[in-house]
Structures are given as C-alpha cells and as structure tokens.
N, C-alpha and C. Protein backbone atom coordinates (compact mmCIF):
# COMPACT_ATOMS: atom_id res chain seq x y z
N MET A 1 -21.00 -29.10 4.61
CA MET A 1 -20.56 -27.88 3.95
C MET A 1 -19.77 -28.24 2.70
N SER A 2 -20.01 -27.50 1.64
CA SER A 2 -19.32 -27.76 0.39
C SER A 2 -17.89 -27.24 0.43
N ASN A 3 -17.14 -27.63 -0.55
CA ASN A 3 -15.80 -27.09 -0.73
C ASN A 3 -15.96 -25.61 -1.10
N PRO A 4 -15.53 -24.69 -0.23
CA PRO A 4 -15.78 -23.27 -0.51
C PRO A 4 -14.97 -22.76 -1.70
N ALA A 5 -15.50 -21.74 -2.31
CA ALA A 5 -14.77 -21.05 -3.38
C ALA A 5 -14.06 -19.86 -2.79
N LEU A 6 -13.03 -19.41 -3.47
CA LEU A 6 -12.37 -18.16 -3.12
C LEU A 6 -12.72 -17.13 -4.18
N LEU A 7 -13.17 -15.98 -3.74
CA LEU A 7 -13.45 -14.85 -4.62
C LEU A 7 -12.43 -13.77 -4.33
N VAL A 8 -11.55 -13.51 -5.29
CA VAL A 8 -10.52 -12.47 -5.18
C VAL A 8 -11.09 -11.23 -5.86
N VAL A 9 -11.40 -10.21 -5.07
CA VAL A 9 -12.10 -9.03 -5.57
C VAL A 9 -11.10 -7.91 -5.91
N ASP A 10 -11.01 -7.58 -7.16
CA ASP A 10 -10.36 -6.36 -7.66
C ASP A 10 -8.94 -6.14 -7.14
N VAL A 11 -8.14 -7.19 -7.06
CA VAL A 11 -6.73 -7.01 -6.73
C VAL A 11 -6.04 -6.67 -8.05
N GLN A 12 -6.13 -5.38 -8.37
CA GLN A 12 -5.70 -4.86 -9.66
C GLN A 12 -4.65 -3.77 -9.46
N ASN A 13 -3.83 -3.59 -10.48
CA ASN A 13 -2.75 -2.61 -10.41
C ASN A 13 -3.22 -1.25 -9.93
N GLY A 14 -4.33 -0.78 -10.44
CA GLY A 14 -4.80 0.56 -10.11
C GLY A 14 -5.29 0.73 -8.69
N PHE A 15 -5.58 -0.37 -8.00
CA PHE A 15 -6.02 -0.29 -6.61
C PHE A 15 -4.89 -0.57 -5.61
N VAL A 16 -3.72 -0.93 -6.12
CA VAL A 16 -2.59 -1.22 -5.23
C VAL A 16 -1.87 0.09 -4.92
N ASN A 17 -1.84 0.43 -3.63
CA ASN A 17 -1.12 1.62 -3.17
C ASN A 17 -0.53 1.31 -1.79
N ASP A 18 -0.06 2.32 -1.10
CA ASP A 18 0.57 2.09 0.21
C ASP A 18 -0.39 1.44 1.21
N ASP A 19 -1.70 1.64 1.04
CA ASP A 19 -2.68 1.08 1.97
C ASP A 19 -3.10 -0.34 1.62
N THR A 20 -2.77 -0.81 0.42
CA THR A 20 -3.23 -2.13 -0.01
C THR A 20 -2.12 -3.09 -0.41
N LYS A 21 -0.94 -2.58 -0.69
CA LYS A 21 0.13 -3.44 -1.24
C LYS A 21 0.50 -4.60 -0.32
N HIS A 22 0.27 -4.44 0.99
CA HIS A 22 0.63 -5.50 1.94
C HIS A 22 -0.19 -6.78 1.75
N ILE A 23 -1.38 -6.69 1.15
CA ILE A 23 -2.19 -7.92 1.01
C ILE A 23 -1.86 -8.69 -0.27
N VAL A 24 -1.21 -8.07 -1.24
CA VAL A 24 -0.99 -8.72 -2.53
C VAL A 24 -0.23 -10.04 -2.39
N PRO A 25 0.92 -10.10 -1.70
CA PRO A 25 1.60 -11.41 -1.58
C PRO A 25 0.78 -12.43 -0.78
N ASP A 26 0.05 -11.96 0.23
CA ASP A 26 -0.78 -12.88 1.01
C ASP A 26 -1.92 -13.45 0.18
N VAL A 27 -2.55 -12.60 -0.64
CA VAL A 27 -3.62 -13.08 -1.53
C VAL A 27 -3.03 -14.06 -2.54
N GLN A 28 -1.84 -13.75 -3.04
CA GLN A 28 -1.19 -14.66 -4.00
C GLN A 28 -1.01 -16.04 -3.37
N ASP A 29 -0.56 -16.09 -2.12
CA ASP A 29 -0.40 -17.38 -1.42
C ASP A 29 -1.74 -18.07 -1.20
N LEU A 30 -2.77 -17.30 -0.87
CA LEU A 30 -4.09 -17.84 -0.60
C LEU A 30 -4.70 -18.50 -1.85
N ILE A 31 -4.43 -17.95 -3.00
CA ILE A 31 -4.99 -18.46 -4.26
C ILE A 31 -4.70 -19.94 -4.44
N GLY A 32 -3.52 -20.38 -4.06
CA GLY A 32 -3.13 -21.78 -4.25
C GLY A 32 -3.83 -22.75 -3.32
N GLN A 33 -4.61 -22.26 -2.38
CA GLN A 33 -5.25 -23.12 -1.39
C GLN A 33 -6.69 -23.52 -1.76
N TYR A 34 -7.17 -23.06 -2.92
CA TYR A 34 -8.58 -23.29 -3.29
C TYR A 34 -8.67 -23.97 -4.65
N ASP A 35 -9.60 -24.92 -4.73
CA ASP A 35 -9.88 -25.56 -6.01
C ASP A 35 -10.85 -24.74 -6.85
N ASN A 36 -11.80 -24.09 -6.19
CA ASN A 36 -12.79 -23.25 -6.88
C ASN A 36 -12.37 -21.80 -6.70
N LEU A 37 -11.99 -21.17 -7.79
CA LEU A 37 -11.37 -19.87 -7.70
C LEU A 37 -11.98 -18.91 -8.73
N TYR A 38 -12.34 -17.74 -8.22
CA TYR A 38 -12.86 -16.65 -9.06
C TYR A 38 -12.06 -15.39 -8.74
N ALA A 39 -11.83 -14.57 -9.75
CA ALA A 39 -11.19 -13.27 -9.53
C ALA A 39 -11.93 -12.24 -10.37
N THR A 40 -12.14 -11.07 -9.77
CA THR A 40 -12.84 -10.02 -10.50
C THR A 40 -11.87 -8.93 -10.93
N ARG A 41 -12.23 -8.30 -12.05
CA ARG A 41 -11.53 -7.11 -12.54
C ARG A 41 -12.58 -6.05 -12.76
N PHE A 42 -12.43 -4.94 -12.05
CA PHE A 42 -13.32 -3.81 -12.26
C PHE A 42 -12.86 -3.05 -13.49
N ILE A 43 -13.82 -2.73 -14.36
CA ILE A 43 -13.55 -1.91 -15.56
C ILE A 43 -14.58 -0.79 -15.58
N ASN A 44 -14.10 0.41 -15.72
CA ASN A 44 -14.96 1.59 -15.83
C ASN A 44 -15.35 1.70 -17.31
N ALA A 45 -16.62 1.52 -17.60
CA ALA A 45 -17.09 1.44 -18.99
C ALA A 45 -16.98 2.74 -19.78
N GLY A 46 -16.66 3.84 -19.13
CA GLY A 46 -16.46 5.08 -19.87
C GLY A 46 -17.57 6.09 -19.66
N GLU A 47 -17.79 6.94 -20.65
CA GLU A 47 -18.67 8.10 -20.52
C GLU A 47 -20.06 7.78 -20.00
N GLU A 48 -20.60 6.63 -20.34
CA GLU A 48 -21.95 6.27 -19.91
C GLU A 48 -21.99 5.62 -18.53
N SER A 49 -20.84 5.32 -17.96
CA SER A 49 -20.84 4.65 -16.66
C SER A 49 -21.24 5.63 -15.56
N PRO A 50 -21.83 5.12 -14.49
CA PRO A 50 -22.18 6.01 -13.37
C PRO A 50 -20.94 6.61 -12.72
N TYR A 51 -19.81 5.95 -12.82
CA TYR A 51 -18.58 6.46 -12.21
C TYR A 51 -18.13 7.75 -12.90
N VAL A 52 -18.28 7.79 -14.20
CA VAL A 52 -17.94 9.01 -14.95
C VAL A 52 -19.08 10.03 -14.82
N ARG A 53 -20.30 9.59 -15.04
CA ARG A 53 -21.45 10.51 -15.05
C ARG A 53 -21.70 11.18 -13.71
N PHE A 54 -21.63 10.43 -12.61
CA PHE A 54 -22.00 10.97 -11.31
C PHE A 54 -20.81 11.40 -10.45
N MET A 55 -19.63 10.79 -10.72
CA MET A 55 -18.49 11.06 -9.87
C MET A 55 -17.33 11.74 -10.60
N GLY A 56 -17.40 11.77 -11.94
CA GLY A 56 -16.30 12.34 -12.71
C GLY A 56 -15.02 11.50 -12.62
N TRP A 57 -15.18 10.20 -12.32
CA TRP A 57 -14.03 9.32 -12.11
C TRP A 57 -13.70 8.60 -13.41
N THR A 58 -12.50 8.81 -13.93
CA THR A 58 -12.15 8.31 -15.25
C THR A 58 -10.99 7.31 -15.24
N ARG A 59 -10.71 6.72 -14.11
CA ARG A 59 -9.68 5.67 -14.06
C ARG A 59 -10.30 4.32 -14.43
N PHE A 60 -9.46 3.33 -14.63
CA PHE A 60 -9.87 1.95 -14.91
C PHE A 60 -10.64 1.82 -16.22
N LEU A 61 -10.31 2.63 -17.18
CA LEU A 61 -10.95 2.54 -18.49
C LEU A 61 -10.41 1.34 -19.24
N PRO A 62 -11.19 0.78 -20.17
CA PRO A 62 -10.72 -0.38 -20.93
C PRO A 62 -9.35 -0.10 -21.55
N GLY A 63 -8.47 -1.09 -21.43
CA GLY A 63 -7.13 -0.98 -22.01
C GLY A 63 -6.10 -0.35 -21.09
N SER A 64 -6.51 0.24 -19.98
CA SER A 64 -5.54 0.87 -19.08
C SER A 64 -4.83 -0.18 -18.23
N ASP A 65 -3.64 0.15 -17.78
CA ASP A 65 -2.88 -0.75 -16.90
C ASP A 65 -3.58 -0.91 -15.55
N ASP A 66 -4.41 0.06 -15.17
CA ASP A 66 -5.15 -0.02 -13.91
C ASP A 66 -5.93 -1.32 -13.77
N ILE A 67 -6.48 -1.82 -14.87
CA ILE A 67 -7.40 -2.97 -14.78
C ILE A 67 -6.69 -4.32 -14.71
N GLN A 68 -5.38 -4.35 -14.92
CA GLN A 68 -4.66 -5.63 -14.90
C GLN A 68 -4.59 -6.18 -13.48
N LEU A 69 -4.75 -7.49 -13.35
CA LEU A 69 -4.65 -8.14 -12.04
C LEU A 69 -3.23 -7.99 -11.50
N ALA A 70 -3.11 -7.75 -10.21
CA ALA A 70 -1.82 -7.61 -9.54
C ALA A 70 -1.35 -8.94 -8.95
N VAL A 71 -2.13 -9.99 -9.16
CA VAL A 71 -1.77 -11.35 -8.75
C VAL A 71 -1.84 -12.24 -9.98
N LYS A 72 -1.09 -13.34 -9.91
CA LYS A 72 -1.17 -14.34 -10.98
C LYS A 72 -2.21 -15.37 -10.58
N VAL A 73 -3.09 -15.67 -11.51
CA VAL A 73 -4.13 -16.67 -11.23
C VAL A 73 -3.91 -17.88 -12.14
N PRO A 74 -4.20 -19.08 -11.63
CA PRO A 74 -4.03 -20.28 -12.44
C PRO A 74 -5.10 -20.37 -13.53
N GLU A 75 -4.90 -21.29 -14.45
CA GLU A 75 -5.83 -21.46 -15.58
C GLU A 75 -7.24 -21.81 -15.14
N ASN A 76 -7.38 -22.49 -14.01
CA ASN A 76 -8.73 -22.89 -13.57
C ASN A 76 -9.50 -21.74 -12.92
N CYS A 77 -8.88 -20.59 -12.80
CA CYS A 77 -9.55 -19.43 -12.21
C CYS A 77 -10.52 -18.81 -13.21
N VAL A 78 -11.72 -18.55 -12.77
CA VAL A 78 -12.70 -17.85 -13.60
C VAL A 78 -12.50 -16.35 -13.34
N VAL A 79 -12.06 -15.63 -14.37
CA VAL A 79 -11.87 -14.19 -14.25
C VAL A 79 -13.14 -13.50 -14.74
N ILE A 80 -13.69 -12.66 -13.87
CA ILE A 80 -14.95 -11.98 -14.15
C ILE A 80 -14.68 -10.50 -14.32
N ASP A 81 -14.93 -9.99 -15.51
CA ASP A 81 -14.87 -8.55 -15.73
C ASP A 81 -16.20 -7.97 -15.27
N LYS A 82 -16.13 -6.96 -14.42
CA LYS A 82 -17.36 -6.36 -13.91
C LYS A 82 -17.30 -4.85 -14.09
N TYR A 83 -18.46 -4.26 -14.29
CA TYR A 83 -18.56 -2.84 -14.60
C TYR A 83 -19.30 -2.08 -13.50
N VAL A 84 -19.61 -2.79 -12.42
CA VAL A 84 -20.26 -2.24 -11.24
C VAL A 84 -19.54 -2.81 -10.02
N TYR A 85 -20.02 -2.48 -8.83
CA TYR A 85 -19.35 -2.88 -7.61
C TYR A 85 -19.36 -4.38 -7.34
N THR A 86 -20.34 -5.09 -7.84
CA THR A 86 -20.50 -6.51 -7.52
C THR A 86 -20.32 -7.40 -8.74
N CYS A 87 -19.95 -8.64 -8.47
CA CYS A 87 -19.91 -9.65 -9.53
C CYS A 87 -21.06 -10.63 -9.39
N VAL A 88 -21.87 -10.42 -8.36
CA VAL A 88 -22.94 -11.37 -8.07
C VAL A 88 -24.12 -11.09 -9.00
N ASP A 89 -24.17 -11.88 -10.06
CA ASP A 89 -25.25 -11.80 -11.03
C ASP A 89 -25.71 -13.22 -11.34
N GLU A 90 -26.65 -13.36 -12.24
CA GLU A 90 -27.20 -14.70 -12.55
C GLU A 90 -26.13 -15.66 -13.04
N SER A 91 -25.20 -15.19 -13.84
CA SER A 91 -24.14 -16.05 -14.37
C SER A 91 -23.24 -16.58 -13.24
N PHE A 92 -22.84 -15.69 -12.34
CA PHE A 92 -21.98 -16.09 -11.22
C PHE A 92 -22.73 -17.06 -10.30
N LEU A 93 -23.98 -16.74 -9.98
CA LEU A 93 -24.77 -17.61 -9.12
C LEU A 93 -24.98 -18.98 -9.75
N ARG A 94 -25.20 -19.02 -11.06
CA ARG A 94 -25.35 -20.29 -11.77
C ARG A 94 -24.06 -21.11 -11.69
N SER A 95 -22.91 -20.46 -11.85
CA SER A 95 -21.62 -21.14 -11.77
C SER A 95 -21.42 -21.75 -10.39
N LEU A 96 -21.76 -21.00 -9.35
CA LEU A 96 -21.64 -21.53 -7.99
C LEU A 96 -22.54 -22.75 -7.81
N LYS A 97 -23.78 -22.64 -8.27
CA LYS A 97 -24.74 -23.74 -8.13
C LYS A 97 -24.26 -24.99 -8.87
N GLU A 98 -23.77 -24.79 -10.10
CA GLU A 98 -23.29 -25.93 -10.90
C GLU A 98 -22.13 -26.65 -10.22
N ARG A 99 -21.34 -25.92 -9.46
CA ARG A 99 -20.19 -26.49 -8.76
C ARG A 99 -20.54 -26.95 -7.34
N GLY A 100 -21.81 -26.78 -6.95
CA GLY A 100 -22.23 -27.20 -5.62
C GLY A 100 -21.65 -26.35 -4.50
N ILE A 101 -21.40 -25.09 -4.78
CA ILE A 101 -20.78 -24.19 -3.81
C ILE A 101 -21.86 -23.39 -3.08
N ASP A 102 -21.83 -23.48 -1.75
CA ASP A 102 -22.77 -22.69 -0.95
C ASP A 102 -22.05 -21.80 0.06
N GLU A 103 -20.72 -21.69 -0.10
CA GLU A 103 -19.92 -20.82 0.75
C GLU A 103 -18.80 -20.22 -0.09
N VAL A 104 -18.65 -18.89 0.00
CA VAL A 104 -17.62 -18.19 -0.77
C VAL A 104 -16.77 -17.38 0.19
N HIS A 105 -15.47 -17.65 0.18
CA HIS A 105 -14.51 -16.87 0.96
C HIS A 105 -14.08 -15.69 0.09
N ILE A 106 -14.08 -14.51 0.69
CA ILE A 106 -13.85 -13.28 -0.07
C ILE A 106 -12.61 -12.57 0.45
N CYS A 107 -11.75 -12.14 -0.48
CA CYS A 107 -10.60 -11.32 -0.14
C CYS A 107 -10.48 -10.25 -1.22
N GLY A 108 -9.68 -9.22 -0.95
CA GLY A 108 -9.42 -8.26 -2.00
C GLY A 108 -9.53 -6.81 -1.60
N ILE A 109 -9.74 -5.99 -2.62
CA ILE A 109 -9.75 -4.53 -2.52
C ILE A 109 -11.05 -4.04 -3.16
N ASP A 110 -11.75 -3.20 -2.65
CA ASP A 110 -11.76 -2.44 -1.44
C ASP A 110 -12.76 -3.04 -0.47
N THR A 111 -12.32 -3.21 0.78
CA THR A 111 -13.20 -3.78 1.81
C THR A 111 -14.49 -2.97 1.91
N ASP A 112 -14.37 -1.66 1.82
CA ASP A 112 -15.51 -0.77 2.05
C ASP A 112 -16.43 -0.61 0.85
N ILE A 113 -16.07 -1.15 -0.29
CA ILE A 113 -16.93 -0.99 -1.46
C ILE A 113 -17.23 -2.35 -2.07
N CYS A 114 -16.38 -2.82 -2.96
CA CYS A 114 -16.69 -4.03 -3.73
C CYS A 114 -16.72 -5.29 -2.88
N VAL A 115 -15.83 -5.42 -1.90
CA VAL A 115 -15.87 -6.60 -1.04
C VAL A 115 -17.20 -6.63 -0.28
N THR A 116 -17.58 -5.50 0.29
CA THR A 116 -18.84 -5.43 1.03
C THR A 116 -20.03 -5.73 0.12
N LYS A 117 -20.07 -5.14 -1.05
CA LYS A 117 -21.21 -5.33 -1.97
C LYS A 117 -21.33 -6.79 -2.38
N CYS A 118 -20.20 -7.43 -2.72
CA CYS A 118 -20.24 -8.85 -3.10
C CYS A 118 -20.70 -9.71 -1.93
N ALA A 119 -20.20 -9.43 -0.72
CA ALA A 119 -20.56 -10.23 0.45
C ALA A 119 -22.06 -10.12 0.75
N VAL A 120 -22.58 -8.91 0.72
CA VAL A 120 -24.00 -8.70 1.00
C VAL A 120 -24.86 -9.35 -0.08
N ASP A 121 -24.47 -9.22 -1.32
CA ASP A 121 -25.24 -9.83 -2.41
C ASP A 121 -25.26 -11.35 -2.29
N LEU A 122 -24.13 -11.96 -1.97
CA LEU A 122 -24.11 -13.42 -1.77
C LEU A 122 -25.02 -13.81 -0.60
N PHE A 123 -24.92 -13.08 0.49
CA PHE A 123 -25.76 -13.32 1.67
C PHE A 123 -27.23 -13.29 1.29
N GLU A 124 -27.63 -12.28 0.52
CA GLU A 124 -29.03 -12.13 0.14
C GLU A 124 -29.51 -13.21 -0.82
N HIS A 125 -28.57 -13.92 -1.45
CA HIS A 125 -28.92 -15.03 -2.33
C HIS A 125 -28.75 -16.38 -1.63
N GLY A 126 -28.56 -16.36 -0.31
CA GLY A 126 -28.50 -17.61 0.46
C GLY A 126 -27.18 -18.34 0.39
N ILE A 127 -26.14 -17.66 -0.06
CA ILE A 127 -24.81 -18.25 -0.11
C ILE A 127 -23.98 -17.62 1.01
N ARG A 128 -23.34 -18.44 1.82
CA ARG A 128 -22.59 -17.91 2.97
C ARG A 128 -21.32 -17.19 2.49
N PRO A 129 -21.25 -15.88 2.73
CA PRO A 129 -20.02 -15.16 2.43
C PRO A 129 -19.13 -15.15 3.68
N VAL A 130 -17.86 -15.46 3.51
CA VAL A 130 -16.90 -15.37 4.61
C VAL A 130 -15.83 -14.38 4.17
N VAL A 131 -15.81 -13.23 4.82
CA VAL A 131 -14.85 -12.19 4.49
C VAL A 131 -13.56 -12.46 5.25
N LEU A 132 -12.50 -12.70 4.51
CA LEU A 132 -11.19 -12.99 5.10
C LEU A 132 -10.49 -11.65 5.35
N SER A 133 -10.76 -11.06 6.50
CA SER A 133 -10.37 -9.67 6.76
C SER A 133 -8.87 -9.42 6.65
N ARG A 134 -8.07 -10.39 6.98
CA ARG A 134 -6.60 -10.25 6.88
C ARG A 134 -6.15 -10.13 5.43
N TYR A 135 -6.97 -10.57 4.52
CA TYR A 135 -6.63 -10.57 3.10
C TYR A 135 -7.41 -9.50 2.34
N CYS A 136 -7.91 -8.52 3.06
CA CYS A 136 -8.67 -7.41 2.47
C CYS A 136 -8.02 -6.09 2.89
N ALA A 137 -8.24 -5.07 2.08
CA ALA A 137 -7.75 -3.73 2.40
C ALA A 137 -8.55 -2.73 1.58
N SER A 138 -8.43 -1.47 1.98
CA SER A 138 -9.07 -0.39 1.23
C SER A 138 -8.01 0.57 0.74
N HIS A 139 -8.06 0.91 -0.54
CA HIS A 139 -7.07 1.87 -1.04
C HIS A 139 -7.37 3.27 -0.52
N GLY A 140 -8.49 3.42 0.19
CA GLY A 140 -8.81 4.67 0.87
C GLY A 140 -8.26 4.74 2.28
N GLY A 141 -7.63 3.66 2.75
CA GLY A 141 -6.98 3.67 4.05
C GLY A 141 -7.56 2.69 5.06
N GLN A 142 -6.81 2.54 6.14
CA GLN A 142 -7.16 1.59 7.20
C GLN A 142 -8.50 1.93 7.86
N GLU A 143 -8.78 3.22 8.00
CA GLU A 143 -10.03 3.63 8.65
C GLU A 143 -11.25 3.11 7.89
N LEU A 144 -11.22 3.18 6.57
CA LEU A 144 -12.33 2.67 5.76
C LEU A 144 -12.41 1.15 5.83
N HIS A 145 -11.27 0.49 5.82
CA HIS A 145 -11.24 -0.97 5.96
C HIS A 145 -11.89 -1.38 7.28
N ASP A 146 -11.46 -0.74 8.37
CA ASP A 146 -12.00 -1.07 9.69
C ASP A 146 -13.50 -0.78 9.79
N ALA A 147 -13.92 0.34 9.22
CA ALA A 147 -15.35 0.70 9.24
C ALA A 147 -16.16 -0.33 8.47
N ALA A 148 -15.64 -0.77 7.35
CA ALA A 148 -16.35 -1.77 6.54
C ALA A 148 -16.53 -3.07 7.31
N LEU A 149 -15.49 -3.51 8.00
CA LEU A 149 -15.60 -4.75 8.77
C LEU A 149 -16.64 -4.62 9.87
N LYS A 150 -16.69 -3.46 10.50
CA LYS A 150 -17.69 -3.22 11.55
C LYS A 150 -19.10 -3.29 10.97
N ILE A 151 -19.29 -2.65 9.83
CA ILE A 151 -20.61 -2.66 9.18
C ILE A 151 -20.96 -4.05 8.67
N LEU A 152 -19.98 -4.76 8.11
CA LEU A 152 -20.23 -6.11 7.62
C LEU A 152 -20.70 -7.05 8.72
N LYS A 153 -20.20 -6.85 9.93
CA LYS A 153 -20.66 -7.69 11.05
C LYS A 153 -22.17 -7.52 11.25
N ARG A 154 -22.66 -6.32 11.01
CA ARG A 154 -24.11 -6.08 11.11
C ARG A 154 -24.85 -6.63 9.90
N TYR A 155 -24.28 -6.43 8.71
CA TYR A 155 -24.92 -6.87 7.47
C TYR A 155 -25.06 -8.39 7.38
N ILE A 156 -23.94 -9.08 7.60
CA ILE A 156 -23.91 -10.53 7.31
C ILE A 156 -23.62 -11.38 8.54
N GLY A 157 -23.40 -10.76 9.69
CA GLY A 157 -23.16 -11.50 10.94
C GLY A 157 -21.68 -11.64 11.26
N LYS A 158 -21.36 -11.53 12.53
CA LYS A 158 -19.96 -11.54 12.95
C LYS A 158 -19.25 -12.87 12.65
N ASP A 159 -20.01 -13.96 12.57
CA ASP A 159 -19.39 -15.25 12.29
C ASP A 159 -18.92 -15.38 10.84
N GLN A 160 -19.31 -14.45 10.00
CA GLN A 160 -18.88 -14.47 8.60
C GLN A 160 -17.66 -13.59 8.36
N ILE A 161 -17.11 -13.00 9.42
CA ILE A 161 -15.90 -12.19 9.31
C ILE A 161 -14.79 -12.96 10.00
N LYS A 162 -13.79 -13.34 9.25
CA LYS A 162 -12.67 -14.11 9.80
C LYS A 162 -11.39 -13.31 9.73
C-alpha cells in the first residue's frame, strides 16, 4: 500500500456552524500527519452555476469570506478550487498517479454531499477512498452526517469507513 494522501474537503468558513465546528481543530491536527495533502475550496461561480440557476443559492461567491479555509494548511498542501461537488477530475487523478498514491483518506464538510461525491468518484477510478468519519460533519446536522455514512457503506464498502 502506498503512503496515503489526505483530502480535506471544504473545511471553509461558510460551512462552519454549530454542527461542524467540532471537527475543525481535529482536522487541523490531522493535517500534520500526512506528507501528501490536498484541500478543497468550494466556490459558487455565480449566475451561471447550477447552484444559483437551479437552487437560488448565492453563498460562496468569489471573494466572499465563506470560501476561505477554516484550517491552516502547510505550503506542501495542494489547494484545489472547485466549482462542483467533487474535486476528482483528470488533473487530480494525474497528481495522485504521479505521486504513486492509490489510497486517499477523506475528511471534511459536508459528509452528505462533497465528501460522499469525492469518495464515490475516487472509488470509481480505482483509488481506495477511506472516509475518516470522526473528522467529517454536515452543516445540515448530525442526521445527514449519519445518513451519509450509512449510504457510503453501500457505495464504497464498510471497510472504507473508519
């Protein structure tokens, strides 16, 4: 097994609330334990984005404080700005391959949306996703977090949920 990477999903100011703030210091501590580190920032692209067009959701626009990371990341961290639920694209997959990474540990916000989407996308590309459930939360509440973990066990297998 290769040296796994850590993927910190959307631990951003705008997603930190009473349901998620408890994971921020734990994720901060976790960051120091990995040599291969990625962090995502969700950005709502504006009027043309599906979030605005289909949901009327106008938070996380470019330049807003919502998009700033709520954790400090070291210089070796690859920060990925993403405009959809997942960061798993050709560029990310190429970076993992170049580093010899075939396992990605995932933590962050929201378990029920972006964490799930990234985990499933990695799984479908043959990279083992390991969801670190203690380091994940949903800003929609504990019920959504728990539901996501239950569904993820079906999607990617119970052995990938830690």
